[in-house]
C-alpha atoms as a PDB file:
ATOM      1  CA  MET A   1     111.025 -17.478 -19.998  1.00  0.00           C
ATOM      2  CA  ALA A   2     114.141 -18.205 -20.271  1.00  0.00           C
ATOM      3  CA  ARG A   3     114.977 -22.011 -18.193  1.00  0.00           C
ATOM      4  CA  GLY A   4     117.293 -21.612 -15.722  1.00  0.00           C
ATOM      5  CA  ARG A   5     121.181 -22.963 -16.021  1.00  0.00           C
ATOM      6  CA  LYS A   6     122.206 -25.945 -13.760  1.00  0.00           C
ATOM      7  CA  THR A   7     125.828 -24.409 -12.490  1.00  0.00           C
ATOM      8  CA  SER A   8     127.898 -27.193 -10.862  1.00  0.00           C
ATOM      9  CA  ARG A   9     129.610 -26.331  -7.590  1.00  0.00           C
ATOM     10  CA  ARG A  10     133.247 -26.913  -7.331  1.00  0.00           C
ATOM     11  CA  LYS A  11     134.529 -28.594  -4.359  1.00  0.00           C
ATOM     12  CA  THR A  12     137.180 -26.238  -2.913  1.00  0.00           C
ATOM     13  CA  PRO A  13     141.032 -26.859  -1.864  1.00  0.00           C
ATOM     14  CA  LEU A  14     139.337 -26.640   1.832  1.00  0.00           C
ATOM     15  CA  HIS A  15     136.686 -28.772   0.868  1.00  0.00           C
ATOM     16  CA  TRP A  16     139.380 -31.285  -0.130  1.00  0.00           C
ATOM     17  CA  LEU A  17     141.516 -30.530   3.293  1.00  0.00           C
ATOM     18  CA  LEU A  18     138.962 -31.052   5.226  1.00  0.00           C
ATOM     19  CA  ARG A  19     138.025 -34.274   3.692  1.00  0.00           C
ATOM     20  CA  ILE A  20     141.611 -35.306   4.024  1.00  0.00           C
ATOM     21  CA  GLY A  21     141.709 -34.426   7.208  1.00  0.00           C
ATOM     22  CA  ALA A  22     139.158 -36.801   8.100  1.00  0.00           C
ATOM     23  CA  LEU A  23     140.368 -39.522   7.386  1.00  0.00           C
ATOM     24  CA  VAL A  24     144.098 -39.113   8.242  1.00  0.00           C
ATOM     25  CA  ALA A  25     141.685 -38.741  11.331  1.00  0.00           C
ATOM     26  CA  LEU A  26     140.275 -41.962  11.040  1.00  0.00           C
ATOM     27  CA  VAL A  27     142.581 -43.978  10.037  1.00  0.00           C
ATOM     28  CA  ALA A  28     144.492 -42.585  13.315  1.00  0.00           C
ATOM     29  CA  LEU A  29     141.608 -43.631  15.323  1.00  0.00           C
ATOM     30  CA  ALA A  30     141.590 -47.126  14.089  1.00  0.00           C
ATOM     31  CA  PHE A  31     145.179 -47.959  14.364  1.00  0.00           C
ATOM     32  CA  ALA A  32     144.953 -46.758  17.569  1.00  0.00           C
ATOM     33  CA  ALA A  33     142.331 -49.576  18.657  1.00  0.00           C
ATOM     34  CA  TRP A  34     144.155 -51.758  16.920  1.00  0.00           C
ATOM     35  CA  LEU A  35     147.715 -51.457  18.421  1.00  0.00           C
ATOM     36  CA  TRP A  36     145.229 -50.764  22.221  1.00  0.00           C
ATOM     37  CA  TRP A  37     143.344 -54.502  21.342  1.00  0.00           C
ATOM     38  CA  ASP A  38     146.598 -56.205  20.076  1.00  0.00           C
ATOM     39  CA  MET A  39     148.198 -54.473  23.159  1.00  0.00           C
ATOM     40  CA  ARG A  40     146.863 -56.632  25.187  1.00  0.00           C
ATOM     41  CA  GLU A  41     148.444 -59.727  24.984  1.00  0.00           C
ATOM     42  CA  TRP A  42     151.227 -58.822  23.092  1.00  0.00           C
ATOM     43  CA  ARG A  43     155.295 -60.006  23.978  1.00  0.00           C
ATOM     44  CA  PRO A  44     158.417 -59.942  22.458  1.00  0.00           C
ATOM     45  CA  ASP A  45     159.070 -63.323  20.438  1.00  0.00           C
ATOM     46  CA  GLU A  46     160.232 -66.512  22.185  1.00  0.00           C
ATOM     47  CA  THR A  47     163.272 -66.974  18.838  1.00  0.00           C
ATOM     48  CA  LEU A  48     164.422 -63.821  20.743  1.00  0.00           C
ATOM     49  CA  TYR A  49     163.799 -63.580  23.178  1.00  0.00           C
ATOM     50  CA  PRO A  50     163.241 -67.916  24.690  1.00  0.00           C
ATOM     51  CA  GLU A  51     163.112 -66.798  28.521  1.00  0.00           C
ATOM     52  CA  GLN A  52     160.038 -65.112  29.806  1.00  0.00           C
ATOM     53  CA  GLY A  53     157.795 -63.886  32.920  1.00  0.00           C
ATOM     54  CA  ALA A  54     155.753 -62.101  35.084  1.00  0.00           C
ATOM     55  CA  LEU A  55     155.828 -59.308  37.701  1.00  0.00           C
ATOM     56  CA  ALA A  56     152.709 -59.680  40.018  1.00  0.00           C
ATOM     57  CA  PRO A  57     149.559 -56.257  40.384  1.00  0.00           C
ATOM     58  CA  VAL A  58     150.948 -54.400  42.859  1.00  0.00           C
ATOM     59  CA  GLY A  59     146.941 -54.399  43.936  1.00  0.00           C
ATOM     60  CA  GLY A  60     146.763 -57.302  44.991  1.00  0.00           C
ATOM     61  CA  GLY A  61     144.100 -59.115  42.508  1.00  0.00           C
ATOM     62  CA  GLU A  62     144.530 -62.964  42.417  1.00  0.00           C
ATOM     63  CA  VAL A  63     147.199 -64.305  39.921  1.00  0.00           C
ATOM     64  CA  LYS A  64     146.128 -67.824  39.163  1.00  0.00           C
ATOM     65  CA  PHE A  65     150.295 -69.168  38.785  1.00  0.00           C
ATOM     66  CA  ALA A  66     149.657 -72.201  37.611  1.00  0.00           C
ATOM     67  CA  THR A  67     147.324 -71.143  34.850  1.00  0.00           C
ATOM     68  CA  LEU A  68     150.726 -67.524  34.835  1.00  0.00           C
ATOM     69  CA  LYS A  69     153.052 -71.383  33.632  1.00  0.00           C
ATOM     70  CA  ALA A  70     151.358 -72.625  30.984  1.00  0.00           C
ATOM     71  CA  ILE A  71     150.597 -69.300  28.998  1.00  0.00           C
ATOM     72  CA  GLY A  72     154.818 -69.270  29.199  1.00  0.00           C
ATOM     73  CA  ALA A  73     156.097 -67.324  32.195  1.00  0.00           C
ATOM     74  CA  GLN A  74     159.198 -69.565  34.050  1.00  0.00           C
ATOM     75  CA  PHE A  75     159.382 -66.863  36.078  1.00  0.00           C
ATOM     76  CA  VAL A  76     157.267 -64.493  38.686  1.00  0.00           C
ATOM     77  CA  TYR A  77     158.294 -61.654  40.407  1.00  0.00           C
ATOM     78  CA  LEU A  78     156.532 -60.012  43.387  1.00  0.00           C
ATOM     79  CA  PRO A  79     155.852 -57.069  44.546  1.00  0.00           C
ATOM     80  CA  LEU A  80     156.479 -56.883  48.208  1.00  0.00           C
ATOM     81  CA  VAL A  81     153.851 -54.792  50.049  1.00  0.00           C
ATOM     82  CA  PHE A  82     153.039 -54.834  53.633  1.00  0.00           C
ATOM     83  CA  ASP A  83     150.395 -57.471  55.078  1.00  0.00           C
ATOM     84  CA  PRO A  84     148.202 -56.127  58.070  1.00  0.00           C
ATOM     85  CA  LEU A  85     145.768 -59.190  57.280  1.00  0.00           C
ATOM     86  CA  PRO A  86     147.846 -62.666  57.498  1.00  0.00           C
ATOM     87  CA  ASP A  87     145.083 -64.415  56.248  1.00  0.00           C
ATOM     88  CA  ASP A  88     144.131 -62.834  53.147  1.00  0.00           C
ATOM     89  CA  PRO A  89     144.550 -65.101  50.522  1.00  0.00           C
ATOM     90  CA  ASN A  90     146.327 -62.657  47.674  1.00  0.00           C
ATOM     91  CA  SER A  91     148.434 -62.064  50.899  1.00  0.00           C
ATOM     92  CA  PHE A  92     152.506 -61.327  49.849  1.00  0.00           C
ATOM     93  CA  ALA A  93     153.124 -64.578  51.700  1.00  0.00           C
ATOM     94  CA  ASP A  94     150.511 -66.081  50.681  1.00  0.00           C
ATOM     95  CA  GLN A  95     150.928 -65.250  47.134  1.00  0.00           C
ATOM     96  CA  PHE A  96     155.028 -66.686  47.647  1.00  0.00           C
ATOM     97  CA  GLN A  97     153.725 -69.722  48.581  1.00  0.00           C
ATOM     98  CA  ARG A  98     151.763 -70.061  45.651  1.00  0.00           C
ATOM     99  CA  ALA A  99     153.812 -69.395  42.679  1.00  0.00           C
ATOM    100  CA  GLN A 100     157.163 -71.896  44.099  1.00  0.00           C
ATOM    101  CA  THR A 101     154.420 -74.780  44.572  1.00  0.00           C
ATOM    102  CA  ALA A 102     153.379 -73.192  40.515  1.00  0.00           C
ATOM    103  CA  ASP A 103     156.791 -74.644  40.319  1.00  0.00           C
ATOM    104  CA  LEU A 104     157.562 -70.926  38.443  1.00  0.00           C
ATOM    105  CA  LYS A 105     160.939 -69.282  39.954  1.00  0.00           C
ATOM    106  CA  VAL A 106     159.923 -66.481  42.239  1.00  0.00           C
ATOM    107  CA  GLY A 107     161.605 -63.524  42.640  1.00  0.00           C
ATOM    108  CA  VAL A 108     160.587 -59.875  45.163  1.00  0.00           C
ATOM    109  CA  LEU A 109     160.543 -56.490  44.227  1.00  0.00           C
ATOM    110  CA  LEU A 110     160.922 -54.026  46.394  1.00  0.00           C
ATOM    111  CA  ASN A 111     160.004 -50.588  45.055  1.00  0.00           C
ATOM    112  CA  PHE A 112     161.800 -48.099  47.852  1.00  0.00           C
ATOM    113  CA  ASP A 113     160.472 -45.366  48.839  1.00  0.00           C
ATOM    114  CA  PRO A 114     162.816 -42.521  48.940  1.00  0.00           C
ATOM    115  CA  CYS A 115     160.761 -40.508  52.270  1.00  0.00           C
ATOM    116  CA  ALA A 116     161.721 -43.623  53.792  1.00  0.00           C
ATOM    117  CA  PRO A 117     164.756 -44.229  56.459  1.00  0.00           C
ATOM    118  CA  ALA A 118     166.533 -47.223  53.885  1.00  0.00           C
ATOM    119  CA  ASP A 119     166.609 -49.982  57.806  1.00  0.00           C
ATOM    120  CA  LEU A 120     162.870 -49.453  57.840  1.00  0.00           C
ATOM    121  CA  GLN A 121     162.850 -50.498  54.209  1.00  0.00           C
ATOM    122  CA  SER A 122     165.161 -52.895  54.675  1.00  0.00           C
ATOM    123  CA  GLY A 123     163.684 -54.503  57.551  1.00  0.00           C
ATOM    124  CA  MET A 124     160.600 -55.365  55.968  1.00  0.00           C
ATOM    125  CA  PHE A 125     162.571 -57.371  53.558  1.00  0.00           C
ATOM    126  CA  ALA A 126     163.966 -59.131  55.787  1.00  0.00           C
ATOM    127  CA  GLN A 127     160.738 -60.111  58.040  1.00  0.00           C
ATOM    128  CA  MET A 128     159.579 -61.103  55.007  1.00  0.00           C
ATOM    129  CA  VAL A 129     161.472 -62.546  52.269  1.00  0.00           C
ATOM    130  CA  PRO A 130     163.165 -65.685  53.467  1.00  0.00           C
ATOM    131  CA  ARG A 131     166.982 -66.199  52.604  1.00  0.00           C
ATOM    132  CA  ASP A 132     166.652 -68.916  49.832  1.00  0.00           C
ATOM    133  CA  PRO A 133     169.326 -69.505  47.849  1.00  0.00           C
ATOM    134  CA  ASP A 134     166.524 -70.891  45.135  1.00  0.00           C
ATOM    135  CA  LEU A 135     164.946 -67.068  44.926  1.00  0.00           C
ATOM    136  CA  LEU A 136     166.347 -65.087  42.158  1.00  0.00           C
ATOM    137  CA  PRO A 137     168.385 -61.916  42.250  1.00  0.00           C
ATOM    138  CA  PRO A 138     165.833 -59.544  44.815  1.00  0.00           C
ATOM    139  CA  ALA A 139     165.329 -56.181  42.752  1.00  0.00           C
ATOM    140  CA  ILE A 140     164.698 -52.727  44.281  1.00  0.00           C
ATOM    141  CA  GLY A 141     161.566 -50.434  42.080  1.00  0.00           C
ATOM    142  CA  LEU A 142     163.296 -47.419  41.260  1.00  0.00           C
ATOM    143  CA  THR A 143     160.442 -44.948  40.347  1.00  0.00           C
ATOM    144  CA  ARG A 144     158.851 -42.872  43.018  1.00  0.00           C
ATOM    145  CA  LEU A 145     161.177 -39.042  43.313  1.00  0.00           C
ATOM    146  CA  ALA A 146     161.499 -37.527  46.910  1.00  0.00           C
ATOM    147  CA  ASP A 147     159.455 -34.079  45.389  1.00  0.00           C
ATOM    148  CA  GLY A 148     156.260 -34.973  47.869  1.00  0.00           C
ATOM    149  CA  CYS A 149     158.371 -35.977  50.705  1.00  0.00           C
ATOM    150  CA  ASN A 150     157.908 -33.796  53.776  1.00  0.00           C
ATOM    151  CA  PRO A 151     160.176 -32.963  55.957  1.00  0.00           C
ATOM    152  CA  LYS A 152     162.552 -32.560  51.826  1.00  0.00           C
ATOM    153  CA  VAL A 153     164.844 -34.286  51.606  1.00  0.00           C
ATOM    154  CA  SER A 154     167.542 -33.707  49.504  1.00  0.00           C
ATOM    155  CA  ASP A 155     169.133 -35.545  46.542  1.00  0.00           C
ATOM    156  CA  ALA A 156     172.535 -36.738  48.366  1.00  0.00           C
ATOM    157  CA  ALA A 157     170.023 -38.683  50.525  1.00  0.00           C
ATOM    158  CA  VAL A 158     168.250 -40.280  48.597  1.00  0.00           C
ATOM    159  CA  GLU A 159     171.010 -41.621  46.740  1.00  0.00           C
ATOM    160  CA  SER A 160     172.964 -41.748  49.971  1.00  0.00           C
ATOM    161  CA  GLU A 161     169.512 -44.490  51.239  1.00  0.00           C
ATOM    162  CA  LEU A 162     169.736 -45.790  47.959  1.00  0.00           C
ATOM    163  CA  MET A 163     172.831 -46.980  49.228  1.00  0.00           C
ATOM    164  CA  THR A 164     172.017 -48.498  52.590  1.00  0.00           C
ATOM    165  CA  LEU A 165     169.192 -50.373  51.382  1.00  0.00           C
ATOM    166  CA  ILE A 166     171.285 -52.126  48.385  1.00  0.00           C
ATOM    167  CA  ASN A 167     173.693 -52.846  50.530  1.00  0.00           C
ATOM    168  CA  GLN A 168     171.371 -54.012  53.334  1.00  0.00           C
ATOM    169  CA  VAL A 169     169.239 -56.324  50.706  1.00  0.00           C
ATOM    170  CA  GLU A 170     172.323 -57.339  49.657  1.00  0.00           C
ATOM    171  CA  THR A 171     173.922 -59.312  52.799  1.00  0.00           C
ATOM    172  CA  HIS A 172     170.107 -60.964  54.116  1.00  0.00           C
ATOM    173  CA  ALA A 173     169.716 -62.444  50.082  1.00  0.00           C
ATOM    174  CA  SER A 174     173.835 -63.303  49.464  1.00  0.00           C
ATOM    175  CA  LYS A 175     172.948 -61.938  45.954  1.00  0.00           C
ATOM    176  CA  PRO A 176     173.749 -58.980  44.271  1.00  0.00           C
ATOM    177  CA  VAL A 177     169.964 -56.575  43.865  1.00  0.00           C
ATOM    178  CA  ILE A 178     168.513 -55.493  40.446  1.00  0.00           C
ATOM    179  CA  LEU A 179     167.810 -52.057  40.247  1.00  0.00           C
ATOM    180  CA  LYS A 180     164.328 -52.098  37.944  1.00  0.00           C
ATOM    181  CA  LEU A 181     164.539 -48.070  36.833  1.00  0.00           C
ATOM    182  CA  SER A 182     162.441 -45.841  35.325  1.00  0.00           C
ATOM    183  CA  ARG A 183     163.363 -43.255  33.018  1.00  0.00           C
ATOM    184  CA  ALA A 184     162.289 -40.371  35.463  1.00  0.00           C
ATOM    185  CA  PHE A 185     164.080 -41.903  38.556  1.00  0.00           C
ATOM    186  CA  GLU A 186     167.469 -42.477  35.599  1.00  0.00           C
ATOM    187  CA  GLN A 187     167.146 -38.602  34.042  1.00  0.00           C
ATOM    188  CA  HIS A 188     166.840 -37.872  37.914  1.00  0.00           C
ATOM    189  CA  HIS A 189     170.038 -39.120  39.963  1.00  0.00           C
ATOM    190  CA  ASN A 190     171.919 -40.801  36.661  1.00  0.00           C
ATOM    191  CA  THR A 191     171.758 -44.385  38.454  1.00  0.00           C
ATOM    192  CA  ALA A 192     172.916 -46.383  36.249  1.00  0.00           C
ATOM    193  CA  ALA A 193     176.421 -44.490  35.990  1.00  0.00           C
ATOM    194  CA  THR A 194     177.121 -44.233  39.101  1.00  0.00           C
ATOM    195  CA  LEU A 195     175.516 -48.215  40.604  1.00  0.00           C
ATOM    196  CA  THR A 196     177.146 -51.162  38.370  1.00  0.00           C
ATOM    197  CA  ARG A 197     174.438 -53.213  39.106  1.00  0.00           C
ATOM    198  CA  ASP A 198     171.874 -54.609  36.509  1.00  0.00           C
ATOM    199  CA  LEU A 199     169.021 -52.723  35.176  1.00  0.00           C
ATOM    200  CA  TRP A 200     164.976 -53.753  34.709  1.00  0.00           C
ATOM    201  CA  LEU A 201     164.133 -51.533  32.142  1.00  0.00           C
ATOM    202  CA  ALA A 202     160.652 -50.609  30.792  1.00  0.00           C
ATOM    203  CA  ARG A 203     159.137 -49.525  28.088  1.00  0.00           C
ATOM    204  CA  ASP A 204     156.034 -50.981  26.101  1.00  0.00           C
ATOM    205  CA  ARG A 205     156.708 -52.848  22.292  1.00  0.00           C
ATOM    206  CA  ALA A 206     160.317 -50.910  22.340  1.00  0.00           C
ATOM    207  CA  ARG A 207     163.639 -52.361  23.898  1.00  0.00           C
ATOM    208  CA  PRO A 208     164.458 -49.601  25.556  1.00  0.00           C
ATOM    209  CA  ASP A 209     167.449 -46.996  25.761  1.00  0.00           C
ATOM    210  CA  TYR A 210     167.066 -44.632  28.575  1.00  0.00           C
ATOM    211  CA  ALA A 211     170.070 -46.748  30.637  1.00  0.00           C
ATOM    212  CA  GLY A 212     173.010 -45.425  28.833  1.00  0.00           C
ATOM    213  CA  ARG A 213     174.082 -49.027  28.871  1.00  0.00           C
ATOM    214  CA  PRO A 214     172.684 -52.660  28.585  1.00  0.00           C
ATOM    215  CA  TRP A 215     169.760 -54.082  30.571  1.00  0.00           C
ATOM    216  CA  LEU A 216     168.916 -57.417  32.154  1.00  0.00           C
ATOM    217  CA  LEU A 217     164.473 -57.152  32.644  1.00  0.00           C
ATOM    218  CA  TRP A 218     163.178 -55.655  30.081  1.00  0.00           C
ATOM    219  CA  SER A 219     158.974 -54.791  31.212  1.00  0.00           C
ATOM    220  CA  ALA A 220     157.761 -54.920  27.551  1.00  0.00           C
ATOM    221  CA  ASN A 221     154.088 -55.091  28.381  1.00  0.00           C
ATOM    222  CA  SER A 222     152.719 -53.620  30.903  1.00  0.00           C
ATOM    223  CA  GLN A 223     149.104 -54.128  31.002  1.00  0.00           C
ATOM    224  CA  MET A 224     149.058 -57.072  29.382  1.00  0.00           C
ATOM    225  CA  VAL A 225     145.348 -58.926  29.343  1.00  0.00           C
ATOM    226  CA  SER A 226     145.551 -62.356  30.157  1.00  0.00           C
ATOM    227  CA  VAL A 227     143.652 -64.933  32.439  1.00  0.00           C
ATOM    228  CA  ALA A 228     146.528 -65.955  34.705  1.00  0.00           C
ATOM    229  CA  SER A 229     145.566 -62.433  36.893  1.00  0.00           C
ATOM    230  CA  GLU A 230     141.959 -60.555  37.328  1.00  0.00           C
ATOM    231  CA  GLU A 231     144.908 -57.618  36.664  1.00  0.00           C
ATOM    232  CA  PRO A 232     146.730 -56.955  34.480  1.00  0.00           C
ATOM    233  CA  ILE A 233     150.206 -57.934  34.292  1.00  0.00           C
ATOM    234  CA  GLU A 234     153.763 -56.727  33.418  1.00  0.00           C
ATOM    235  CA  TRP A 235     155.199 -59.262  31.552  1.00  0.00           C
ATOM    236  CA  VAL A 236     158.661 -59.166  31.147  1.00  0.00           C
ATOM    237  CA  VAL A 237     161.764 -61.231  29.394  1.00  0.00           C
ATOM    238  CA  VAL A 238     165.280 -61.359  29.671  1.00  0.00           C
ATOM    239  CA  GLN A 239     168.046 -60.460  27.562  1.00  0.00           C
ATOM    240  CA  LYS A 240     170.825 -62.750  26.879  1.00  0.00           C
END
């Protein structure tokens, strides 16, 4: 009776490609997990950017401003939202007072609504933000486009209302505003080229360049996790 021969099964090129593809996918997944974890607490080098601070979360979660200062923030910007409940411990007015008590430099961010009249928005700013020369320059957030406005608003109308808002806020604050400019708003309106105001740009970990000119403030980590806040905060640095 003849003995059966043992035959070696050679691995085909497709088999090796599948194994290499799986290895590459595994490495990419591990790198993504490491990057996500590292970004939780990442901030730019203080030797390059000695002046650093934060933008408080819009959601109204509690921020421990003394702790924020202890972990390295020198300033904080507070998003301006309407306070229907003045006794809310996380209201704008309460956060404003607690941030000043923590000896942080304080600024206010007003997010521009292209669907609403400038007078309404500047009126809220004037009502809720005191005329205080020690405050940082006010910032106007330019993120929302007018695509969803009803009735529709033209680009020309948006730009006109924005200019009106800028003038009214600057009159109240007696300081030029800083424009917190998103990539989408810049691409749509070319704001950096038409308005000569200091810019606040955003890009996680990498220096932003979408405005085509130098910026003053950089949101370097949009979701920084820290013991200073219940919600992630935006970590911001100043370019000298």
